[in-house]
Amino acid sequence: MRPRRLVVVVGTGTDIGKTWVSARLLRMLRTDGRSVAARKPAQSFDLDDDPATHDAVVLAGASGEQPDVVCPPHRWYQRAMAPPMAAEVLGRPRFEIGDLVAELTWPAGPIDVGLVETAGGVRSPLAADGDGVSLTTALEPDLVVLVADAGLGTINAVQLSVDALRQVPALLVVVLNRFDLATELHVLNRDWLRGPGGLHVACLPGDDQALFDFVLH
């Protein structure tokens, strides 16, 4: 069953905090009494990474599920590179966007919010035949959350990502992660994206309630 609200979390790049933002949002929703489920269609990591930091483990801790439910074990790739590239290097089977969509299952009971987190940036390969935009389009979400850094270069990164996501007919909100109200550039970036950029922008930490409202409405 499809969740009542389907949210896809994407990023302007890797290591900008998609999983942290996703986990924060999932915990907020559960605290509010909402039923949630998290999914990571594919993940990759270095063998010497702390298992507690694997995306599926972090998301599972926030959603109250098991890591192998959040991300199927055969989609755990032990190389820190885009999943289809990691699969090729590891000698594992080729897969396509359609495979990832077909494997995306939800609990039998009604779920208020289902959250799907992609890997890397919006144009990072997620399968042999597509990237983050391809998967997001195929999922037909109600909301796309674009996570970006709050600092130098974020306007360019956000605008390029937004342009790539224009084919997705869903509400889009930009989350400026690691936002510091005392940092002038962070504030100027936020104001530009909201003003000339014309985008919905939430800043974390700080605008948790705004992001919460976007997810539910």
N, C-alpha and C. Protein backbone atom coordinates (compact mmCIF):
# COMPACT_ATOMS: atom_id res chain seq x y z
N MET A 1 0.84 -1.20 0.00
CA MET A 1 0.00 0.00 0.00
C MET A 1 0.87 1.25 0.00
N ARG A 2 0.50 2.21 -0.83
CA ARG A 2 1.24 3.46 -0.86
C ARG A 2 0.92 4.27 0.39
N PRO A 3 1.94 4.88 1.01
CA PRO A 3 1.67 5.75 2.17
C PRO A 3 0.76 6.91 1.80
N ARG A 4 0.10 7.47 2.80
CA ARG A 4 -0.77 8.62 2.54
C ARG A 4 0.01 9.78 1.94
N ARG A 5 1.24 9.98 2.43
CA ARG A 5 2.13 11.00 1.88
C ARG A 5 3.46 10.34 1.57
N LEU A 6 3.93 10.52 0.36
CA LEU A 6 5.21 9.95 -0.03
C LEU A 6 6.21 11.08 -0.23
N VAL A 7 7.30 11.02 0.51
CA VAL A 7 8.34 12.05 0.48
C VAL A 7 9.63 11.43 -0.03
N VAL A 8 10.24 12.07 -1.01
CA VAL A 8 11.55 11.64 -1.50
C VAL A 8 12.59 12.67 -1.10
N VAL A 9 13.63 12.23 -0.43
CA VAL A 9 14.71 13.11 0.01
C VAL A 9 15.89 12.94 -0.94
N VAL A 10 16.26 14.04 -1.58
CA VAL A 10 17.39 14.05 -2.52
C VAL A 10 18.40 15.08 -2.03
N GLY A 11 19.54 15.15 -2.70
CA GLY A 11 20.57 16.09 -2.26
C GLY A 11 21.27 16.77 -3.43
N THR A 12 21.93 17.87 -3.14
CA THR A 12 22.74 18.54 -4.15
C THR A 12 24.06 17.81 -4.37
N GLY A 13 24.39 16.88 -3.49
CA GLY A 13 25.63 16.13 -3.60
C GLY A 13 25.68 15.09 -2.50
N THR A 14 26.83 14.49 -2.32
CA THR A 14 27.01 13.50 -1.27
C THR A 14 27.53 14.17 0.00
N ASP A 15 27.28 13.55 1.14
CA ASP A 15 27.77 14.05 2.43
C ASP A 15 27.27 15.45 2.77
N ILE A 16 26.04 15.75 2.37
CA ILE A 16 25.46 17.05 2.74
C ILE A 16 24.36 16.89 3.80
N GLY A 17 24.11 15.64 4.23
CA GLY A 17 23.22 15.44 5.37
C GLY A 17 21.83 14.93 5.05
N LYS A 18 21.66 14.22 3.93
CA LYS A 18 20.34 13.69 3.59
C LYS A 18 19.82 12.76 4.68
N THR A 19 20.70 11.88 5.14
CA THR A 19 20.26 10.89 6.14
C THR A 19 19.97 11.56 7.47
N TRP A 20 20.78 12.55 7.85
CA TRP A 20 20.53 13.27 9.10
C TRP A 20 19.20 14.00 9.04
N VAL A 21 18.93 14.67 7.94
CA VAL A 21 17.66 15.38 7.79
C VAL A 21 16.50 14.39 7.78
N SER A 22 16.65 13.29 7.07
CA SER A 22 15.60 12.28 7.00
C SER A 22 15.29 11.71 8.38
N ALA A 23 16.33 11.37 9.12
CA ALA A 23 16.13 10.80 10.46
C ALA A 23 15.49 11.81 11.40
N ARG A 24 15.90 13.05 11.29
CA ARG A 24 15.31 14.10 12.14
C ARG A 24 13.82 14.23 11.85
N LEU A 25 13.47 14.22 10.57
CA LEU A 25 12.08 14.34 10.18
C LEU A 25 11.26 13.14 10.63
N LEU A 26 11.80 11.95 10.48
CA LEU A 26 11.09 10.74 10.90
C LEU A 26 10.82 10.76 12.40
N ARG A 27 11.80 11.19 13.18
CA ARG A 27 11.61 11.25 14.63
C ARG A 27 10.55 12.28 15.00
N MET A 28 10.55 13.41 14.33
CA MET A 28 9.53 14.43 14.59
C MET A 28 8.13 13.89 14.31
N LEU A 29 7.99 13.19 13.20
CA LEU A 29 6.69 12.65 12.83
C LEU A 29 6.22 11.60 13.84
N ARG A 30 7.12 10.74 14.27
CA ARG A 30 6.75 9.72 15.25
C ARG A 30 6.39 10.34 16.59
N THR A 31 7.13 11.37 16.98
CA THR A 31 6.81 12.07 18.23
C THR A 31 5.42 12.68 18.17
N ASP A 32 5.00 13.09 16.99
CA ASP A 32 3.67 13.68 16.79
C ASP A 32 2.58 12.61 16.64
N GLY A 33 2.98 11.36 16.73
CA GLY A 33 2.00 10.28 16.65
C GLY A 33 1.71 9.78 15.25
N ARG A 34 2.52 10.17 14.28
CA ARG A 34 2.32 9.73 12.90
C ARG A 34 3.03 8.40 12.66
N SER A 35 2.41 7.56 11.85
CA SER A 35 3.05 6.32 11.46
C SER A 35 3.96 6.59 10.26
N VAL A 36 5.16 6.02 10.29
CA VAL A 36 6.15 6.30 9.25
C VAL A 36 6.83 5.00 8.80
N ALA A 37 7.43 5.08 7.63
CA ALA A 37 8.30 4.02 7.14
C ALA A 37 9.37 4.68 6.29
N ALA A 38 10.59 4.17 6.37
CA ALA A 38 11.71 4.72 5.61
C ALA A 38 12.25 3.66 4.66
N ARG A 39 12.67 4.14 3.48
CA ARG A 39 13.26 3.22 2.52
C ARG A 39 14.50 3.85 1.88
N LYS A 40 15.53 3.04 1.72
CA LYS A 40 16.76 3.42 1.02
C LYS A 40 16.93 2.36 -0.07
N PRO A 41 16.56 2.67 -1.31
CA PRO A 41 16.58 1.64 -2.36
C PRO A 41 17.92 0.95 -2.56
N ALA A 42 19.01 1.70 -2.38
CA ALA A 42 20.36 1.12 -2.48
C ALA A 42 21.32 1.98 -1.69
N GLN A 43 22.31 1.36 -1.08
CA GLN A 43 23.31 2.12 -0.33
C GLN A 43 24.69 1.52 -0.58
N SER A 44 25.69 2.39 -0.49
CA SER A 44 27.08 1.93 -0.65
C SER A 44 27.93 2.57 0.43
N PHE A 45 29.01 1.88 0.79
CA PHE A 45 29.83 2.35 1.91
C PHE A 45 31.16 1.61 1.87
N ASP A 46 32.15 2.15 2.59
CA ASP A 46 33.44 1.49 2.71
C ASP A 46 33.35 0.35 3.73
N LEU A 47 34.13 -0.69 3.51
CA LEU A 47 34.12 -1.83 4.43
C LEU A 47 34.51 -1.44 5.85
N ASP A 48 35.39 -0.43 5.98
CA ASP A 48 35.85 -0.06 7.32
C ASP A 48 34.97 1.00 7.96
N ASP A 49 33.85 1.37 7.32
CA ASP A 49 32.92 2.31 7.95
C ASP A 49 32.27 1.67 9.17
N ASP A 50 31.98 2.49 10.17
CA ASP A 50 31.24 2.01 11.34
C ASP A 50 29.84 1.59 10.90
N PRO A 51 29.45 0.33 11.12
CA PRO A 51 28.12 -0.11 10.68
C PRO A 51 26.98 0.75 11.22
N ALA A 52 27.18 1.37 12.37
CA ALA A 52 26.13 2.22 12.96
C ALA A 52 25.87 3.45 12.12
N THR A 53 26.81 3.80 11.23
CA THR A 53 26.64 4.99 10.41
C THR A 53 26.05 4.69 9.04
N HIS A 54 25.84 3.42 8.71
CA HIS A 54 25.23 3.09 7.43
C HIS A 54 23.84 3.73 7.34
N ASP A 55 23.52 4.25 6.18
CA ASP A 55 22.26 4.99 6.03
C ASP A 55 21.06 4.18 6.47
N ALA A 56 20.99 2.92 6.06
CA ALA A 56 19.84 2.09 6.40
C ALA A 56 19.72 1.89 7.91
N VAL A 57 20.85 1.82 8.59
CA VAL A 57 20.84 1.64 10.05
C VAL A 57 20.34 2.91 10.73
N VAL A 58 20.82 4.06 10.28
CA VAL A 58 20.39 5.34 10.86
C VAL A 58 18.90 5.57 10.61
N LEU A 59 18.45 5.31 9.39
CA LEU A 59 17.04 5.50 9.06
C LEU A 59 16.16 4.53 9.85
N ALA A 60 16.62 3.30 10.00
CA ALA A 60 15.86 2.31 10.76
C ALA A 60 15.71 2.72 12.22
N GLY A 61 16.79 3.27 12.77
CA GLY A 61 16.71 3.74 14.15
C GLY A 61 15.70 4.84 14.33
N ALA A 62 15.54 5.67 13.30
CA ALA A 62 14.60 6.78 13.38
C ALA A 62 13.16 6.35 13.10
N SER A 63 12.98 5.36 12.22
CA SER A 63 11.63 4.95 11.84
C SER A 63 11.07 3.81 12.67
N GLY A 64 11.95 3.15 13.45
CA GLY A 64 11.50 2.02 14.26
C GLY A 64 11.42 0.71 13.49
N GLU A 65 12.16 0.62 12.38
CA GLU A 65 12.15 -0.58 11.56
C GLU A 65 13.50 -1.29 11.66
N GLN A 66 13.65 -2.35 10.89
CA GLN A 66 14.91 -3.07 10.81
C GLN A 66 15.70 -2.58 9.59
N PRO A 67 17.03 -2.50 9.69
CA PRO A 67 17.83 -2.01 8.56
C PRO A 67 17.61 -2.77 7.26
N ASP A 68 17.41 -4.10 7.35
CA ASP A 68 17.23 -4.87 6.12
C ASP A 68 15.83 -4.73 5.53
N VAL A 69 14.94 -4.06 6.26
CA VAL A 69 13.64 -3.68 5.71
C VAL A 69 13.76 -2.33 5.02
N VAL A 70 14.53 -1.45 5.62
CA VAL A 70 14.76 -0.12 5.03
C VAL A 70 15.49 -0.25 3.69
N CYS A 71 16.51 -1.11 3.64
CA CYS A 71 17.26 -1.34 2.41
C CYS A 71 17.49 -2.84 2.27
N PRO A 72 17.00 -3.46 1.20
CA PRO A 72 17.19 -4.91 1.04
C PRO A 72 18.68 -5.28 1.09
N PRO A 73 19.04 -6.35 1.78
CA PRO A 73 20.45 -6.73 1.93
C PRO A 73 21.20 -6.85 0.61
N HIS A 74 20.54 -7.25 -0.46
CA HIS A 74 21.25 -7.40 -1.74
C HIS A 74 21.53 -6.05 -2.40
N ARG A 75 21.04 -4.96 -1.78
CA ARG A 75 21.34 -3.61 -2.27
C ARG A 75 22.31 -2.87 -1.35
N TRP A 76 23.02 -3.62 -0.51
CA TRP A 76 24.09 -3.06 0.31
C TRP A 76 25.40 -3.32 -0.46
N TYR A 77 26.04 -2.26 -0.88
CA TYR A 77 27.26 -2.39 -1.69
C TYR A 77 28.46 -1.87 -0.91
N GLN A 78 29.45 -2.73 -0.73
CA GLN A 78 30.61 -2.42 0.11
C GLN A 78 31.71 -1.69 -0.65
N ARG A 79 31.36 -0.67 -1.33
CA ARG A 79 32.30 0.25 -1.97
C ARG A 79 31.70 1.64 -1.94
N ALA A 80 32.48 2.63 -1.55
CA ALA A 80 31.97 4.00 -1.44
C ALA A 80 31.97 4.68 -2.81
N MET A 81 30.98 4.30 -3.62
CA MET A 81 30.78 4.90 -4.94
C MET A 81 29.32 4.70 -5.30
N ALA A 82 28.89 5.32 -6.39
CA ALA A 82 27.48 5.19 -6.79
C ALA A 82 27.09 3.72 -6.86
N PRO A 83 25.89 3.35 -6.39
CA PRO A 83 25.51 1.94 -6.32
C PRO A 83 25.71 1.13 -7.60
N PRO A 84 25.31 1.61 -8.79
CA PRO A 84 25.54 0.77 -9.98
C PRO A 84 27.02 0.58 -10.30
N MET A 85 27.83 1.60 -9.97
CA MET A 85 29.27 1.47 -10.17
C MET A 85 29.85 0.47 -9.17
N ALA A 86 29.38 0.55 -7.92
CA ALA A 86 29.83 -0.39 -6.90
C ALA A 86 29.46 -1.82 -7.28
N ALA A 87 28.24 -2.00 -7.81
CA ALA A 87 27.80 -3.33 -8.21
C ALA A 87 28.72 -3.89 -9.29
N GLU A 88 29.10 -3.05 -10.25
CA GLU A 88 29.97 -3.50 -11.33
C GLU A 88 31.35 -3.89 -10.80
N VAL A 89 31.92 -3.05 -9.93
CA VAL A 89 33.24 -3.31 -9.37
C VAL A 89 33.25 -4.59 -8.54
N LEU A 90 32.15 -4.82 -7.83
CA LEU A 90 32.04 -6.00 -6.96
C LEU A 90 31.62 -7.26 -7.72
N GLY A 91 31.35 -7.12 -9.02
CA GLY A 91 30.95 -8.28 -9.81
C GLY A 91 29.54 -8.74 -9.51
N ARG A 92 28.70 -7.82 -9.07
CA ARG A 92 27.33 -8.18 -8.74
C ARG A 92 26.39 -7.77 -9.88
N PRO A 93 25.17 -8.33 -9.92
CA PRO A 93 24.30 -8.14 -11.08
C PRO A 93 23.96 -6.67 -11.36
N ARG A 94 23.82 -6.38 -12.63
CA ARG A 94 23.35 -5.08 -13.10
C ARG A 94 21.89 -4.90 -12.69
N PHE A 95 21.50 -3.69 -12.35
CA PHE A 95 20.10 -3.43 -12.01
C PHE A 95 19.67 -2.10 -12.59
N GLU A 96 18.37 -1.94 -12.73
CA GLU A 96 17.80 -0.74 -13.33
C GLU A 96 16.84 -0.04 -12.36
N ILE A 97 16.42 1.16 -12.75
CA ILE A 97 15.49 1.93 -11.91
C ILE A 97 14.22 1.12 -11.66
N GLY A 98 13.74 0.44 -12.67
CA GLY A 98 12.53 -0.37 -12.50
C GLY A 98 12.69 -1.44 -11.43
N ASP A 99 13.89 -1.99 -11.29
CA ASP A 99 14.14 -2.98 -10.24
C ASP A 99 14.02 -2.35 -8.86
N LEU A 100 14.58 -1.15 -8.70
CA LEU A 100 14.51 -0.47 -7.41
C LEU A 100 13.07 -0.12 -7.05
N VAL A 101 12.30 0.33 -8.04
CA VAL A 101 10.90 0.66 -7.79
C VAL A 101 10.11 -0.59 -7.41
N ALA A 102 10.35 -1.68 -8.13
CA ALA A 102 9.61 -2.92 -7.86
C ALA A 102 9.91 -3.47 -6.47
N GLU A 103 11.11 -3.23 -5.97
CA GLU A 103 11.51 -3.74 -4.66
C GLU A 103 11.02 -2.87 -3.51
N LEU A 104 10.46 -1.71 -3.84
CA LEU A 104 10.04 -0.77 -2.81
C LEU A 104 8.69 -1.18 -2.25
N THR A 105 8.68 -1.82 -1.11
CA THR A 105 7.44 -2.29 -0.49
C THR A 105 7.19 -1.54 0.81
N TRP A 106 5.92 -1.45 1.18
CA TRP A 106 5.51 -0.72 2.38
C TRP A 106 4.74 -1.64 3.31
N PRO A 107 4.65 -1.30 4.59
CA PRO A 107 3.87 -2.12 5.53
C PRO A 107 2.42 -2.28 5.08
N ALA A 108 1.80 -3.38 5.50
CA ALA A 108 0.43 -3.67 5.09
C ALA A 108 -0.56 -2.65 5.63
N GLY A 109 -0.31 -2.18 6.86
CA GLY A 109 -1.21 -1.21 7.46
C GLY A 109 -1.02 0.17 6.87
N PRO A 110 -1.99 1.07 7.04
CA PRO A 110 -1.85 2.43 6.50
C PRO A 110 -0.70 3.17 7.17
N ILE A 111 0.11 3.83 6.35
CA ILE A 111 1.25 4.59 6.83
C ILE A 111 1.01 6.06 6.50
N ASP A 112 1.19 6.92 7.48
CA ASP A 112 0.96 8.36 7.24
C ASP A 112 2.00 8.94 6.29
N VAL A 113 3.28 8.64 6.55
CA VAL A 113 4.35 9.20 5.73
C VAL A 113 5.37 8.12 5.40
N GLY A 114 5.59 7.93 4.12
CA GLY A 114 6.67 7.07 3.66
C GLY A 114 7.78 7.94 3.12
N LEU A 115 9.00 7.68 3.55
CA LEU A 115 10.15 8.49 3.15
C LEU A 115 11.15 7.63 2.39
N VAL A 116 11.53 8.09 1.21
CA VAL A 116 12.53 7.40 0.41
C VAL A 116 13.73 8.31 0.26
N GLU A 117 14.90 7.81 0.66
CA GLU A 117 16.13 8.60 0.52
C GLU A 117 16.97 8.05 -0.62
N THR A 118 17.38 8.94 -1.51
CA THR A 118 18.23 8.54 -2.63
C THR A 118 19.69 8.54 -2.17
N ALA A 119 20.60 8.38 -3.13
CA ALA A 119 22.04 8.36 -2.82
C ALA A 119 22.75 9.42 -3.65
N GLY A 120 23.71 10.12 -3.05
CA GLY A 120 24.47 11.13 -3.77
C GLY A 120 23.63 12.33 -4.16
N GLY A 121 24.02 13.00 -5.25
CA GLY A 121 23.27 14.14 -5.75
C GLY A 121 22.16 13.71 -6.69
N VAL A 122 21.36 14.66 -7.15
CA VAL A 122 20.20 14.31 -7.96
C VAL A 122 20.60 13.66 -9.29
N ARG A 123 21.78 13.97 -9.79
CA ARG A 123 22.25 13.38 -11.04
C ARG A 123 23.26 12.26 -10.83
N SER A 124 23.44 11.84 -9.59
CA SER A 124 24.31 10.70 -9.33
C SER A 124 23.63 9.42 -9.81
N PRO A 125 24.37 8.50 -10.43
CA PRO A 125 23.75 7.25 -10.90
C PRO A 125 23.17 6.44 -9.73
N LEU A 126 21.93 5.99 -9.90
CA LEU A 126 21.32 5.11 -8.90
C LEU A 126 21.09 3.71 -9.46
N ALA A 127 21.15 3.59 -10.77
CA ALA A 127 20.99 2.31 -11.43
C ALA A 127 21.68 2.42 -12.78
N ALA A 128 21.74 1.30 -13.49
CA ALA A 128 22.44 1.31 -14.77
C ALA A 128 21.79 2.22 -15.79
N ASP A 129 20.48 2.48 -15.62
CA ASP A 129 19.75 3.27 -16.61
C ASP A 129 19.17 4.57 -16.06
N GLY A 130 19.62 5.01 -14.89
CA GLY A 130 19.03 6.24 -14.35
C GLY A 130 19.69 6.75 -13.10
N ASP A 131 19.30 7.98 -12.74
CA ASP A 131 19.88 8.67 -11.59
C ASP A 131 18.81 9.02 -10.56
N GLY A 132 19.15 9.94 -9.66
CA GLY A 132 18.21 10.34 -8.62
C GLY A 132 16.95 10.95 -9.17
N VAL A 133 17.07 11.72 -10.24
CA VAL A 133 15.89 12.30 -10.87
C VAL A 133 15.00 11.21 -11.47
N SER A 134 15.61 10.23 -12.11
CA SER A 134 14.86 9.13 -12.72
C SER A 134 14.04 8.39 -11.67
N LEU A 135 14.68 8.08 -10.53
CA LEU A 135 13.96 7.36 -9.47
C LEU A 135 12.86 8.21 -8.87
N THR A 136 13.17 9.47 -8.61
CA THR A 136 12.16 10.37 -8.03
C THR A 136 10.96 10.49 -8.95
N THR A 137 11.19 10.64 -10.24
CA THR A 137 10.09 10.73 -11.20
C THR A 137 9.25 9.47 -11.20
N ALA A 138 9.91 8.31 -11.16
CA ALA A 138 9.20 7.04 -11.19
C ALA A 138 8.33 6.83 -9.95
N LEU A 139 8.75 7.38 -8.82
CA LEU A 139 8.03 7.18 -7.56
C LEU A 139 6.80 8.07 -7.43
N GLU A 140 6.72 9.15 -8.22
CA GLU A 140 5.59 10.07 -8.18
C GLU A 140 5.29 10.54 -6.75
N PRO A 141 6.24 11.18 -6.10
CA PRO A 141 6.05 11.58 -4.70
C PRO A 141 5.09 12.78 -4.56
N ASP A 142 4.62 12.96 -3.35
CA ASP A 142 3.83 14.16 -3.02
C ASP A 142 4.73 15.34 -2.72
N LEU A 143 5.93 15.06 -2.21
CA LEU A 143 6.87 16.11 -1.82
C LEU A 143 8.29 15.65 -2.09
N VAL A 144 9.11 16.56 -2.62
CA VAL A 144 10.54 16.32 -2.77
C VAL A 144 11.28 17.27 -1.83
N VAL A 145 12.14 16.72 -1.00
CA VAL A 145 12.97 17.50 -0.09
C VAL A 145 14.39 17.49 -0.65
N LEU A 146 14.87 18.67 -1.04
CA LEU A 146 16.22 18.81 -1.58
C LEU A 146 17.14 19.34 -0.49
N VAL A 147 18.06 18.51 -0.03
CA VAL A 147 18.98 18.89 1.05
C VAL A 147 20.24 19.50 0.45
N ALA A 148 20.62 20.65 0.98
CA ALA A 148 21.81 21.36 0.50
C ALA A 148 22.59 21.90 1.68
N ASP A 149 23.86 22.15 1.46
CA ASP A 149 24.66 22.82 2.47
C ASP A 149 24.25 24.28 2.52
N ALA A 150 24.43 24.92 3.67
CA ALA A 150 24.01 26.32 3.80
C ALA A 150 25.07 27.31 3.34
N GLY A 151 26.30 26.84 3.09
CA GLY A 151 27.41 27.76 2.87
C GLY A 151 27.72 28.10 1.43
N LEU A 152 28.99 28.40 1.19
CA LEU A 152 29.46 28.89 -0.10
C LEU A 152 29.16 27.89 -1.22
N GLY A 153 28.61 28.40 -2.32
CA GLY A 153 28.32 27.57 -3.48
C GLY A 153 26.95 26.95 -3.49
N THR A 154 26.16 27.16 -2.44
CA THR A 154 24.89 26.44 -2.37
C THR A 154 23.86 26.96 -3.36
N ILE A 155 23.88 28.26 -3.68
CA ILE A 155 22.89 28.78 -4.63
C ILE A 155 23.05 28.10 -5.98
N ASN A 156 24.26 27.99 -6.45
CA ASN A 156 24.51 27.31 -7.72
C ASN A 156 24.08 25.85 -7.65
N ALA A 157 24.47 25.16 -6.59
CA ALA A 157 24.14 23.74 -6.45
C ALA A 157 22.63 23.53 -6.36
N VAL A 158 21.95 24.39 -5.63
CA VAL A 158 20.50 24.27 -5.50
C VAL A 158 19.81 24.52 -6.83
N GLN A 159 20.20 25.60 -7.52
CA GLN A 159 19.55 25.94 -8.78
C GLN A 159 19.74 24.85 -9.83
N LEU A 160 20.93 24.28 -9.91
CA LEU A 160 21.16 23.20 -10.85
C LEU A 160 20.30 21.98 -10.51
N SER A 161 20.19 21.68 -9.23
CA SER A 161 19.39 20.54 -8.80
C SER A 161 17.90 20.79 -9.06
N VAL A 162 17.44 22.00 -8.76
CA VAL A 162 16.04 22.34 -9.00
C VAL A 162 15.71 22.22 -10.48
N ASP A 163 16.59 22.72 -11.34
CA ASP A 163 16.37 22.60 -12.78
C ASP A 163 16.23 21.14 -13.20
N ALA A 164 17.06 20.28 -12.63
CA ALA A 164 17.01 18.86 -12.98
C ALA A 164 15.71 18.21 -12.50
N LEU A 165 15.13 18.75 -11.42
CA LEU A 165 13.94 18.15 -10.82
C LEU A 165 12.63 18.72 -11.36
N ARG A 166 12.71 19.66 -12.30
CA ARG A 166 11.49 20.31 -12.80
C ARG A 166 10.53 19.33 -13.45
N GLN A 167 11.01 18.20 -13.91
CA GLN A 167 10.14 17.22 -14.55
C GLN A 167 9.31 16.45 -13.53
N VAL A 168 9.61 16.61 -12.25
CA VAL A 168 8.87 15.89 -11.20
C VAL A 168 7.68 16.76 -10.75
N PRO A 169 6.44 16.32 -10.98
CA PRO A 169 5.27 17.14 -10.63
C PRO A 169 4.92 17.03 -9.15
N ALA A 170 5.79 17.55 -8.31
CA ALA A 170 5.57 17.48 -6.86
C ALA A 170 6.05 18.79 -6.23
N LEU A 171 5.49 19.11 -5.08
CA LEU A 171 5.97 20.25 -4.32
C LEU A 171 7.43 20.00 -3.93
N LEU A 172 8.26 21.02 -4.04
CA LEU A 172 9.67 20.90 -3.69
C LEU A 172 10.02 21.90 -2.60
N VAL A 173 10.69 21.43 -1.57
CA VAL A 173 11.19 22.31 -0.52
C VAL A 173 12.69 22.08 -0.37
N VAL A 174 13.43 23.16 -0.27
CA VAL A 174 14.88 23.10 -0.08
C VAL A 174 15.18 23.17 1.41
N VAL A 175 16.01 22.27 1.88
CA VAL A 175 16.47 22.31 3.28
C VAL A 175 17.94 22.72 3.28
N LEU A 176 18.23 23.86 3.87
CA LEU A 176 19.62 24.28 4.06
C LEU A 176 20.10 23.65 5.36
N ASN A 177 20.96 22.66 5.23
CA ASN A 177 21.43 21.91 6.39
C ASN A 177 22.63 22.60 7.02
N ARG A 178 22.83 22.35 8.31
CA ARG A 178 23.92 22.95 9.08
C ARG A 178 23.82 24.48 9.04
N PHE A 179 22.61 24.97 9.12
CA PHE A 179 22.36 26.40 9.04
C PHE A 179 22.70 27.09 10.35
N ASP A 180 23.40 28.22 10.26
CA ASP A 180 23.79 28.99 11.43
C ASP A 180 23.30 30.42 11.24
N LEU A 181 22.33 30.82 12.04
CA LEU A 181 21.74 32.15 11.92
C LEU A 181 22.77 33.25 12.14
N ALA A 182 23.86 32.94 12.84
CA ALA A 182 24.90 33.94 13.10
C ALA A 182 25.90 34.07 11.95
N THR A 183 25.78 33.22 10.93
CA THR A 183 26.69 33.27 9.78
C THR A 183 26.02 34.06 8.66
N GLU A 184 26.61 35.19 8.31
CA GLU A 184 25.99 36.10 7.34
C GLU A 184 25.70 35.41 6.01
N LEU A 185 26.65 34.63 5.50
CA LEU A 185 26.46 33.99 4.21
C LEU A 185 25.28 33.03 4.23
N HIS A 186 25.10 32.30 5.32
CA HIS A 186 23.97 31.38 5.43
C HIS A 186 22.65 32.14 5.31
N VAL A 187 22.57 33.25 5.99
CA VAL A 187 21.34 34.05 5.96
C VAL A 187 21.11 34.64 4.57
N LEU A 188 22.16 35.13 3.94
CA LEU A 188 22.04 35.70 2.60
C LEU A 188 21.64 34.63 1.58
N ASN A 189 22.22 33.45 1.70
CA ASN A 189 21.82 32.35 0.81
C ASN A 189 20.35 32.00 0.98
N ARG A 190 19.92 31.89 2.21
CA ARG A 190 18.50 31.60 2.48
C ARG A 190 17.60 32.65 1.87
N ASP A 191 17.93 33.93 2.10
CA ASP A 191 17.07 35.01 1.62
C ASP A 191 17.05 35.07 0.10
N TRP A 192 18.19 34.80 -0.55
CA TRP A 192 18.22 34.83 -2.01
C TRP A 192 17.39 33.70 -2.59
N LEU A 193 17.52 32.52 -2.03
CA LEU A 193 16.76 31.39 -2.54
C LEU A 193 15.26 31.59 -2.34
N ARG A 194 14.88 32.22 -1.25
CA ARG A 194 13.46 32.49 -1.01
C ARG A 194 12.95 33.65 -1.87
N GLY A 195 13.82 34.66 -2.08
CA GLY A 195 13.41 35.85 -2.82
C GLY A 195 13.57 35.68 -4.32
N PRO A 196 14.71 36.09 -4.90
CA PRO A 196 14.92 35.92 -6.34
C PRO A 196 14.78 34.47 -6.80
N GLY A 197 15.16 33.56 -5.95
CA GLY A 197 15.07 32.15 -6.33
C GLY A 197 13.64 31.62 -6.35
N GLY A 198 12.77 32.23 -5.53
CA GLY A 198 11.36 31.85 -5.49
C GLY A 198 11.09 30.45 -4.98
N LEU A 199 11.94 29.97 -4.07
CA LEU A 199 11.82 28.60 -3.59
C LEU A 199 11.29 28.54 -2.16
N HIS A 200 10.66 27.42 -1.84
CA HIS A 200 10.32 27.13 -0.45
C HIS A 200 11.60 26.66 0.23
N VAL A 201 11.99 27.32 1.32
CA VAL A 201 13.25 27.00 1.99
C VAL A 201 13.01 26.84 3.48
N ALA A 202 13.52 25.74 4.03
CA ALA A 202 13.55 25.52 5.48
C ALA A 202 15.00 25.36 5.88
N CYS A 203 15.36 25.84 7.05
CA CYS A 203 16.74 25.79 7.52
C CYS A 203 16.82 24.91 8.76
N LEU A 204 17.77 23.98 8.74
CA LEU A 204 17.95 23.10 9.90
C LEU A 204 19.37 23.21 10.42
N PRO A 205 19.49 23.31 11.75
CA PRO A 205 18.39 23.40 12.71
C PRO A 205 17.73 24.77 12.68
N GLY A 206 16.49 24.80 13.14
CA GLY A 206 15.76 26.06 13.22
C GLY A 206 14.34 25.97 12.72
N ASP A 207 14.17 25.58 11.43
CA ASP A 207 12.84 25.58 10.83
C ASP A 207 12.21 24.18 10.84
N ASP A 208 12.36 23.45 11.92
CA ASP A 208 11.83 22.10 11.99
C ASP A 208 10.31 22.08 11.77
N GLN A 209 9.61 23.01 12.39
CA GLN A 209 8.16 23.04 12.26
C GLN A 209 7.74 23.34 10.84
N ALA A 210 8.47 24.22 10.16
CA ALA A 210 8.15 24.54 8.77
C ALA A 210 8.29 23.30 7.90
N LEU A 211 9.37 22.54 8.08
CA LEU A 211 9.56 21.32 7.30
C LEU A 211 8.48 20.31 7.62
N PHE A 212 8.14 20.18 8.88
CA PHE A 212 7.08 19.28 9.33
C PHE A 212 5.77 19.62 8.61
N ASP A 213 5.45 20.90 8.54
CA ASP A 213 4.21 21.34 7.89
C ASP A 213 4.22 21.05 6.40
N PHE A 214 5.36 21.24 5.74
CA PHE A 214 5.47 20.94 4.32
C PHE A 214 5.20 19.45 4.07
N VAL A 215 5.72 18.61 4.93
CA VAL A 215 5.56 17.16 4.75
C VAL A 215 4.10 16.75 4.85
N LEU A 216 3.38 17.34 5.77
CA LEU A 216 2.01 16.91 6.02
C LEU A 216 0.98 17.63 5.16
N HIS A 217 1.38 18.76 4.58
CA HIS A 217 0.38 19.55 3.84
C HIS A 217 0.86 19.87 2.45
